[in-house]
């Protein structure tokens, strides 16, 4: 199944010390096939990724390996993506998220303080 993962960095000042580990784990998650494609917002401390996993729980468990998640520096949300009929046949890459409807897979993994940016 495809999963849309979105995240907001809630403590940007603390991310520098984990940056190297983040890139290493993200590369491992890409190599394993979990992360199909990922993006960072140019204007805000946010990211979006398309994941492929057997279940939402499996995807969330693997994302917990990311240092930003492990150290509660990010508010992460995951939603299962359901392909629209007739739009996904024969695709070798994940369908574009705007061509799909979504439903929640899980609640926010980490939420810190009332100062979280959304």
Foldseek 3Di string as FASTA:
>chain_A
DKKKKKKAFFCVVPCPVQVVVQVVLVVVCVVVQQWQDKDADPPHRMIITIGDDPAPVVSVVSVCSHPCNVVQRMWMFMWDWDADPPPCPPDPGDDDRVRTDTDGRDHTSHDDDPRGDD
